[in-house]
C-alpha cells in the first residue's frame, strides 16, 4: 500500500482503539474536520507533518507511537 493509505488506516485504527469519532479527533487536535475529511478521501495526496503532529496530539500519542504499527513496515509500503 502507499504511505498515504497507511496513514489513513492508522488514523482510522486509532479512532477505533480510542473510541473516538472524527468529531472527537477534531475537538482534541484542533485539525479542522474538512482537513480530516480531505485526508480520508485522499484529496490532498499527502499529509503535512505539522497536521500529523496535531492529529497525534489529539490522540494523546507521539508521532513515534503513531508510526509504531505493522502498517508502516517497509514490506507493506510501496511507491
PDB file of N, CA and C in Angstrom:
ATOM      1  N   UNK A   1       0.841  -1.175   0.000  1.00  0.00           N
ATOM      2  CA  UNK A   1       0.000   0.000   0.000  1.00  0.00           C
ATOM      3  C   UNK A   1       0.885   1.237   0.000  1.00  0.00           C
ATOM      4  N   UNK A   2       0.324   2.335  -0.402  1.00  0.00           N
ATOM      5  CA  UNK A   2       1.064   3.592  -0.390  1.00  0.00           C
ATOM      6  C   UNK A   2       1.110   4.142   1.035  1.00  0.00           C
ATOM      7  N   UNK A   3       2.107   4.951   1.293  1.00  0.00           N
ATOM      8  CA  UNK A   3       2.277   5.531   2.626  1.00  0.00           C
ATOM      9  C   UNK A   3       1.037   6.322   3.042  1.00  0.00           C
ATOM     10  N   UNK A   4       0.472   7.089   2.127  1.00  0.00           N
ATOM     11  CA  UNK A   4      -0.727   7.878   2.445  1.00  0.00           C
ATOM     12  C   UNK A   4      -1.884   6.974   2.871  1.00  0.00           C
ATOM     13  N   UNK A   5      -2.000   5.812   2.228  1.00  0.00           N
ATOM     14  CA  UNK A   5      -3.053   4.860   2.608  1.00  0.00           C
ATOM     15  C   UNK A   5      -2.811   4.302   4.008  1.00  0.00           C
ATOM     16  N   UNK A   6      -1.557   4.044   4.328  1.00  0.00           N
ATOM     17  CA  UNK A   6      -1.213   3.540   5.663  1.00  0.00           C
ATOM     18  C   UNK A   6      -1.537   4.585   6.732  1.00  0.00           C
ATOM     19  N   UNK A   7      -1.284   5.853   6.427  1.00  0.00           N
ATOM     20  CA  UNK A   7      -1.599   6.933   7.376  1.00  0.00           C
ATOM     21  C   UNK A   7      -3.106   6.981   7.623  1.00  0.00           C
ATOM     22  N   UNK A   8      -3.884   6.897   6.555  1.00  0.00           N
ATOM     23  CA  UNK A   8      -5.343   6.914   6.688  1.00  0.00           C
ATOM     24  C   UNK A   8      -5.821   5.734   7.531  1.00  0.00           C
ATOM     25  N   UNK A   9      -5.305   4.553   7.235  1.00  0.00           N
ATOM     26  CA  UNK A   9      -5.695   3.367   8.004  1.00  0.00           C
ATOM     27  C   UNK A   9      -5.302   3.490   9.468  1.00  0.00           C
ATOM     28  N   UNK A  10      -4.136   4.073   9.724  1.00  0.00           N
ATOM     29  CA  UNK A  10      -3.677   4.229  11.109  1.00  0.00           C
ATOM     30  C   UNK A  10      -4.577   5.196  11.869  1.00  0.00           C
ATOM     31  N   UNK A  11      -4.988   6.272  11.232  1.00  0.00           N
ATOM     32  CA  UNK A  11      -5.902   7.215  11.883  1.00  0.00           C
ATOM     33  C   UNK A  11      -7.217   6.512  12.210  1.00  0.00           C
ATOM     34  N   UNK A  12      -7.736   5.755  11.261  1.00  0.00           N
ATOM     35  CA  UNK A  12      -8.982   5.018  11.498  1.00  0.00           C
ATOM     36  C   UNK A  12      -8.811   3.988  12.613  1.00  0.00           C
ATOM     37  N   UNK A  13      -7.667   3.309  12.614  1.00  0.00           N
ATOM     38  CA  UNK A  13      -7.368   2.313  13.646  1.00  0.00           C
ATOM     39  C   UNK A  13      -7.336   2.962  15.030  1.00  0.00           C
ATOM     40  N   UNK A  14      -6.679   4.107  15.131  1.00  0.00           N
ATOM     41  CA  UNK A  14      -6.577   4.795  16.418  1.00  0.00           C
ATOM     42  C   UNK A  14      -7.931   5.330  16.881  1.00  0.00           C
ATOM     43  N   UNK A  15      -8.760   5.781  15.951  1.00  0.00           N
ATOM     44  CA  UNK A  15     -10.111   6.220  16.321  1.00  0.00           C
ATOM     45  C   UNK A  15     -10.878   5.068  16.964  1.00  0.00           C
ATOM     46  N   UNK A  16     -10.744   3.881  16.393  1.00  0.00           N
ATOM     47  CA  UNK A  16     -11.430   2.706  16.943  1.00  0.00           C
ATOM     48  C   UNK A  16     -10.840   2.335  18.304  1.00  0.00           C
ATOM     49  N   UNK A  17      -9.499   2.267  18.382  1.00  0.00           N
ATOM     50  CA  UNK A  17      -8.830   1.889  19.633  1.00  0.00           C
ATOM     51  C   UNK A  17      -9.177   2.831  20.771  1.00  0.00           C
ATOM     52  N   UNK A  18      -9.274   4.123  20.455  1.00  0.00           N
ATOM     53  CA  UNK A  18      -9.508   5.126  21.491  1.00  0.00           C
ATOM     54  C   UNK A  18     -10.977   5.525  21.584  1.00  0.00           C
ATOM     55  N   UNK A  19     -11.829   4.790  20.832  1.00  0.00           N
ATOM     56  CA  UNK A  19     -13.266   5.046  20.847  1.00  0.00           C
ATOM     57  C   UNK A  19     -13.571   6.520  20.572  1.00  0.00           C
ATOM     58  N   UNK A  20     -12.971   7.035  19.513  1.00  0.00           N
ATOM     59  CA  UNK A  20     -13.139   8.439  19.138  1.00  0.00           C
ATOM     60  C   UNK A  20     -13.784   8.546  17.764  1.00  0.00           C
ATOM     61  N   UNK A  21     -14.654   9.524  17.634  1.00  0.00           N
ATOM     62  CA  UNK A  21     -15.200   9.851  16.321  1.00  0.00           C
ATOM     63  C   UNK A  21     -14.275  10.875  15.665  1.00  0.00           C
ATOM     64  N   UNK A  22     -14.507  11.133  14.395  1.00  0.00           N
ATOM     65  CA  UNK A  22     -13.725  12.177  13.714  1.00  0.00           C
ATOM     66  C   UNK A  22     -13.976  13.531  14.382  1.00  0.00           C
ATOM     67  N   UNK A  23     -15.199  13.727  14.878  1.00  0.00           N
ATOM     68  CA  UNK A  23     -15.515  14.967  15.583  1.00  0.00           C
ATOM     69  C   UNK A  23     -14.693  15.075  16.865  1.00  0.00           C
ATOM     70  N   UNK A  24     -14.580  13.973  17.601  1.00  0.00           N
ATOM     71  CA  UNK A  24     -13.752  13.965  18.814  1.00  0.00           C
ATOM     72  C   UNK A  24     -12.307  14.302  18.474  1.00  0.00           C
ATOM     73  N   UNK A  25     -11.813  13.717  17.383  1.00  0.00           N
ATOM     74  CA  UNK A  25     -10.439  13.975  16.966  1.00  0.00           C
ATOM     75  C   UNK A  25     -10.255  15.443  16.623  1.00  0.00           C
ATOM     76  N   UNK A  26     -11.216  16.005  15.923  1.00  0.00           N
ATOM     77  CA  UNK A  26     -11.172  17.435  15.595  1.00  0.00           C
ATOM     78  C   UNK A  26     -11.135  18.276  16.871  1.00  0.00           C
ATOM     79  N   UNK A  27     -11.996  17.969  17.821  1.00  0.00           N
ATOM     80  CA  UNK A  27     -12.048  18.747  19.064  1.00  0.00           C
ATOM     81  C   UNK A  27     -10.755  18.619  19.863  1.00  0.00           C
ATOM     82  N   UNK A  28     -10.169  17.430  19.894  1.00  0.00           N
ATOM     83  CA  UNK A  28      -8.945  17.198  20.669  1.00  0.00           C
ATOM     84  C   UNK A  28      -7.695  17.729  19.980  1.00  0.00           C
ATOM     85  N   UNK A  29      -7.701  17.731  18.656  1.00  0.00           N
ATOM     86  CA  UNK A  29      -6.483  18.083  17.918  1.00  0.00           C
ATOM     87  C   UNK A  29      -6.483  19.506  17.384  1.00  0.00           C
ATOM     88  N   UNK A  30      -7.663  20.049  17.136  1.00  0.00           N
ATOM     89  CA  UNK A  30      -7.751  21.357  16.500  1.00  0.00           C
ATOM     90  C   UNK A  30      -7.623  21.295  14.984  1.00  0.00           C
ATOM     91  N   UNK A  31      -7.433  20.098  14.447  1.00  0.00           N
ATOM     92  CA  UNK A  31      -7.360  19.930  12.992  1.00  0.00           C
ATOM     93  C   UNK A  31      -8.791  20.003  12.460  1.00  0.00           C
ATOM     94  N   UNK A  32      -9.058  20.941  11.542  1.00  0.00           N
ATOM     95  CA  UNK A  32     -10.428  21.101  11.040  1.00  0.00           C
ATOM     96  C   UNK A  32     -11.003  19.806  10.469  1.00  0.00           C
ATOM     97  N   UNK A  33     -12.304  19.638  10.653  1.00  0.00           N
ATOM     98  CA  UNK A  33     -12.975  18.450  10.128  1.00  0.00           C
ATOM     99  C   UNK A  33     -12.799  18.349   8.618  1.00  0.00           C
ATOM    100  N   UNK A  34     -12.772  19.488   7.939  1.00  0.00           N
ATOM    101  CA  UNK A  34     -12.587  19.466   6.483  1.00  0.00           C
ATOM    102  C   UNK A  34     -11.225  18.887   6.117  1.00  0.00           C
ATOM    103  N   UNK A  35     -10.211  19.173   6.920  1.00  0.00           N
ATOM    104  CA  UNK A  35      -8.873  18.616   6.681  1.00  0.00           C
ATOM    105  C   UNK A  35      -8.876  17.117   6.932  1.00  0.00           C
ATOM    106  N   UNK A  36      -9.514  16.687   8.010  1.00  0.00           N
ATOM    107  CA  UNK A  36      -9.601  15.253   8.304  1.00  0.00           C
ATOM    108  C   UNK A  36     -10.340  14.516   7.186  1.00  0.00           C
ATOM    109  N   UNK A  37     -11.391  15.133   6.662  1.00  0.00           N
ATOM    110  CA  UNK A  37     -12.133  14.531   5.549  1.00  0.00           C
ATOM    111  C   UNK A  37     -11.272  14.469   4.299  1.00  0.00           C
ATOM    112  N   UNK A  38     -10.522  15.539   4.028  1.00  0.00           N
ATOM    113  CA  UNK A  38      -9.631  15.555   2.856  1.00  0.00           C
ATOM    114  C   UNK A  38      -8.577  14.462   2.945  1.00  0.00           C
ATOM    115  N   UNK A  39      -8.056  14.252   4.138  1.00  0.00           N
ATOM    116  CA  UNK A  39      -7.062  13.187   4.338  1.00  0.00           C
ATOM    117  C   UNK A  39      -7.712  11.837   4.046  1.00  0.00           C
ATOM    118  N   UNK A  40      -8.881  11.618   4.628  1.00  0.00           N
ATOM    119  CA  UNK A  40      -9.565  10.328   4.458  1.00  0.00           C
ATOM    120  C   UNK A  40      -9.919  10.062   2.996  1.00  0.00           C
ATOM    121  N   UNK A  41     -10.317  11.098   2.290  1.00  0.00           N
ATOM    122  CA  UNK A  41     -10.729  10.924   0.887  1.00  0.00           C
ATOM    123  C   UNK A  41      -9.571  11.104  -0.090  1.00  0.00           C
ATOM    124  N   UNK A  42      -8.362  11.249   0.458  1.00  0.00           N
ATOM    125  CA  UNK A  42      -7.134  11.357  -0.345  1.00  0.00           C
ATOM    126  C   UNK A  42      -7.154  12.544  -1.307  1.00  0.00           C
ATOM    127  N   UNK A  43      -7.767  13.630  -0.893  1.00  0.00           N
ATOM    128  CA  UNK A  43      -7.842  14.814  -1.750  1.00  0.00           C
ATOM    129  C   UNK A  43      -6.514  15.547  -1.841  1.00  0.00           C
ATOM    130  N   UNK A  44      -5.764  15.529  -0.759  1.00  0.00           N
ATOM    131  CA  UNK A  44      -4.525  16.308  -0.735  1.00  0.00           C
ATOM    132  C   UNK A  44      -3.311  15.513  -1.205  1.00  0.00           C
ATOM    133  N   UNK A  45      -3.417  14.215  -1.303  1.00  0.00           N
ATOM    134  CA  UNK A  45      -2.294  13.394  -1.757  1.00  0.00           C
ATOM    135  C   UNK A  45      -1.357  12.991  -0.640  1.00  0.00           C
ATOM    136  N   UNK A  46      -1.057  13.906   0.258  1.00  0.00           N
ATOM    137  CA  UNK A  46      -0.186  13.587   1.390  1.00  0.00           C
ATOM    138  C   UNK A  46      -0.578  14.454   2.582  1.00  0.00           C
ATOM    139  N   UNK A  47      -0.157  14.022   3.741  1.00  0.00           N
ATOM    140  CA  UNK A  47      -0.465  14.741   4.977  1.00  0.00           C
ATOM    141  C   UNK A  47       0.762  15.536   5.390  1.00  0.00           C
ATOM    142  N   UNK A  48       0.571  16.810   5.697  1.00  0.00           N
ATOM    143  CA  UNK A  48       1.685  17.624   6.185  1.00  0.00           C
ATOM    144  C   UNK A  48       2.105  17.116   7.563  1.00  0.00           C
ATOM    145  N   UNK A  49       3.385  17.186   7.810  1.00  0.00           N
ATOM    146  CA  UNK A  49       3.914  16.695   9.081  1.00  0.00           C
ATOM    147  C   UNK A  49       3.306  17.443  10.263  1.00  0.00           C
ATOM    148  N   UNK A  50       3.107  18.747  10.143  1.00  0.00           N
ATOM    149  CA  UNK A  50       2.525  19.514  11.246  1.00  0.00           C
ATOM    150  C   UNK A  50       1.082  19.066  11.510  1.00  0.00           C
ATOM    151  N   UNK A  51       0.360  18.721  10.453  1.00  0.00           N
ATOM    152  CA  UNK A  51      -1.008  18.215  10.620  1.00  0.00           C
ATOM    153  C   UNK A  51      -0.986  16.879  11.347  1.00  0.00           C
ATOM    154  N   UNK A  52      -0.067  16.026  10.958  1.00  0.00           N
ATOM    155  CA  UNK A  52       0.065  14.728  11.618  1.00  0.00           C
ATOM    156  C   UNK A  52       0.450  14.911  13.088  1.00  0.00           C
ATOM    157  N   UNK A  53       1.304  15.887  13.357  1.00  0.00           N
ATOM    158  CA  UNK A  53       1.682  16.190  14.739  1.00  0.00           C
ATOM    159  C   UNK A  53       0.437  16.519  15.571  1.00  0.00           C
ATOM    160  N   UNK A  54      -0.427  17.397  15.047  1.00  0.00           N
ATOM    161  CA  UNK A  54      -1.616  17.796  15.795  1.00  0.00           C
ATOM    162  C   UNK A  54      -2.622  16.656  15.912  1.00  0.00           C
ATOM    163  N   UNK A  55      -2.691  15.812  14.883  1.00  0.00           N
ATOM    164  CA  UNK A  55      -3.543  14.623  14.974  1.00  0.00           C
ATOM    165  C   UNK A  55      -3.050  13.723  16.110  1.00  0.00           C
ATOM    166  N   UNK A  56      -1.742  13.543  16.192  1.00  0.00           N
ATOM    167  CA  UNK A  56      -1.168  12.744  17.284  1.00  0.00           C
ATOM    168  C   UNK A  56      -1.476  13.369  18.635  1.00  0.00           C
ATOM    169  N   UNK A  57      -1.395  14.688  18.724  1.00  0.00           N
ATOM    170  CA  UNK A  57      -1.763  15.379  19.963  1.00  0.00           C
ATOM    171  C   UNK A  57      -3.218  15.067  20.326  1.00  0.00           C
ATOM    172  N   UNK A  58      -4.076  15.048  19.320  1.00  0.00           N
ATOM    173  CA  UNK A  58      -5.485  14.737  19.553  1.00  0.00           C
ATOM    174  C   UNK A  58      -5.697  13.334  20.086  1.00  0.00           C
ATOM    175  N   UNK A  59      -4.850  12.414  19.667  1.00  0.00           N
ATOM    176  CA  UNK A  59      -4.911  11.038  20.161  1.00  0.00           C
ATOM    177  C   UNK A  59      -4.128  10.868  21.462  1.00  0.00           C
ATOM    178  N   UNK A  60      -3.409  11.906  21.877  1.00  0.00           N
ATOM    179  CA  UNK A  60      -2.549  11.866  23.063  1.00  0.00           C
ATOM    180  C   UNK A  60      -1.456  10.807  22.905  1.00  0.00           C
ATOM    181  N   UNK A  61      -0.835  10.807  21.713  1.00  0.00           N
ATOM    182  CA  UNK A  61       0.289   9.913  21.430  1.00  0.00           C
ATOM    183  C   UNK A  61       1.392  10.724  20.753  1.00  0.00           C
ATOM    184  N   UNK A  62       2.571  10.145  20.683  1.00  0.00           N
ATOM    185  CA  UNK A  62       3.672  10.785  19.970  1.00  0.00           C
ATOM    186  C   UNK A  62       3.644  10.354  18.502  1.00  0.00           C
ATOM    187  N   UNK A  63       4.372  11.076  17.678  1.00  0.00           N
ATOM    188  CA  UNK A  63       4.494  10.672  16.275  1.00  0.00           C
ATOM    189  C   UNK A  63       5.152   9.299  16.202  1.00  0.00           C
ATOM    190  N   UNK A  64       6.100   9.050  17.091  1.00  0.00           N
ATOM    191  CA  UNK A  64       6.749   7.736  17.127  1.00  0.00           C
ATOM    192  C   UNK A  64       5.717   6.638  17.385  1.00  0.00           C
ATOM    193  N   UNK A  65       4.816   6.868  18.318  1.00  0.00           N
ATOM    194  CA  UNK A  65       3.770   5.879  18.599  1.00  0.00           C
ATOM    195  C   UNK A  65       2.834   5.715  17.401  1.00  0.00           C
ATOM    196  N   UNK A  66       2.583   6.808  16.690  1.00  0.00           N
ATOM    197  CA  UNK A  66       1.729   6.731  15.506  1.00  0.00           C
ATOM    198  C   UNK A  66       2.315   5.765  14.484  1.00  0.00           C
ATOM    199  N   UNK A  67       3.620   5.905  14.233  1.00  0.00           N
ATOM    200  CA  UNK A  67       4.265   5.077  13.214  1.00  0.00           C
ATOM    201  C   UNK A  67       4.688   3.698  13.728  1.00  0.00           C
ATOM    202  N   UNK A  68       4.497   3.451  15.013  1.00  0.00           N
ATOM    203  CA  UNK A  68       4.830   2.144  15.583  1.00  0.00           C
ATOM    204  C   UNK A  68       3.672   1.177  15.335  1.00  0.00           C
ATOM    205  N   UNK A  69       3.526   0.795  14.091  1.00  0.00           N
ATOM    206  CA  UNK A  69       2.442  -0.086  13.656  1.00  0.00           C
ATOM    207  C   UNK A  69       2.943  -0.922  12.490  1.00  0.00           C
ATOM    208  N   UNK A  70       2.500  -2.163  12.399  1.00  0.00           N
ATOM    209  CA  UNK A  70       2.894  -3.002  11.256  1.00  0.00           C
ATOM    210  C   UNK A  70       2.495  -2.395   9.909  1.00  0.00           C
ATOM    211  N   UNK A  71       1.541  -1.486   9.927  1.00  0.00           N
ATOM    212  CA  UNK A  71       1.147  -0.823   8.679  1.00  0.00           C
ATOM    213  C   UNK A  71       2.333  -0.155   7.997  1.00  0.00           C
ATOM    214  N   UNK A  72       3.306   0.290   8.800  1.00  0.00           N
ATOM    215  CA  UNK A  72       4.427   1.060   8.266  1.00  0.00           C
ATOM    216  C   UNK A  72       5.694   0.230   8.058  1.00  0.00           C
ATOM    217  N   UNK A  73       5.585  -1.092   8.185  1.00  0.00           N
ATOM    218  CA  UNK A  73       6.740  -1.944   7.874  1.00  0.00           C
ATOM    219  C   UNK A  73       7.120  -1.748   6.419  1.00  0.00           C
ATOM    220  N   UNK A  74       8.417  -1.747   6.156  1.00  0.00           N
ATOM    221  CA  UNK A  74       8.872  -1.459   4.792  1.00  0.00           C
ATOM    222  C   UNK A  74       8.324  -2.441   3.767  1.00  0.00           C
ATOM    223  N   UNK A  75       8.008  -3.654   4.185  1.00  0.00           N
ATOM    224  CA  UNK A  75       7.441  -4.637   3.257  1.00  0.00           C
ATOM    225  C   UNK A  75       5.999  -4.309   2.869  1.00  0.00           C
ATOM    226  N   UNK A  76       5.353  -3.464   3.658  1.00  0.00           N
ATOM    227  CA  UNK A  76       3.956  -3.109   3.396  1.00  0.00           C
ATOM    228  C   UNK A  76       3.798  -1.840   2.565  1.00  0.00           C
ATOM    229  N   UNK A  77       4.865  -1.056   2.437  1.00  0.00           N
ATOM    230  CA  UNK A  77       4.785   0.242   1.759  1.00  0.00           C
ATOM    231  C   UNK A  77       5.409   0.153   0.374  1.00  0.00           C
ATOM    232  N   UNK A  78       4.682   0.658  -0.601  1.00  0.00           N
ATOM    233  CA  UNK A  78       5.198   0.741  -1.973  1.00  0.00           C
ATOM    234  C   UNK A  78       5.121   2.196  -2.424  1.00  0.00           C
ATOM    235  N   UNK A  79       5.842   2.502  -3.479  1.00  0.00           N
ATOM    236  CA  UNK A  79       5.813   3.876  -4.002  1.00  0.00           C
ATOM    237  C   UNK A  79       4.632   4.093  -4.903  1.00  0.00           C
TER     238      UNK A  79
END
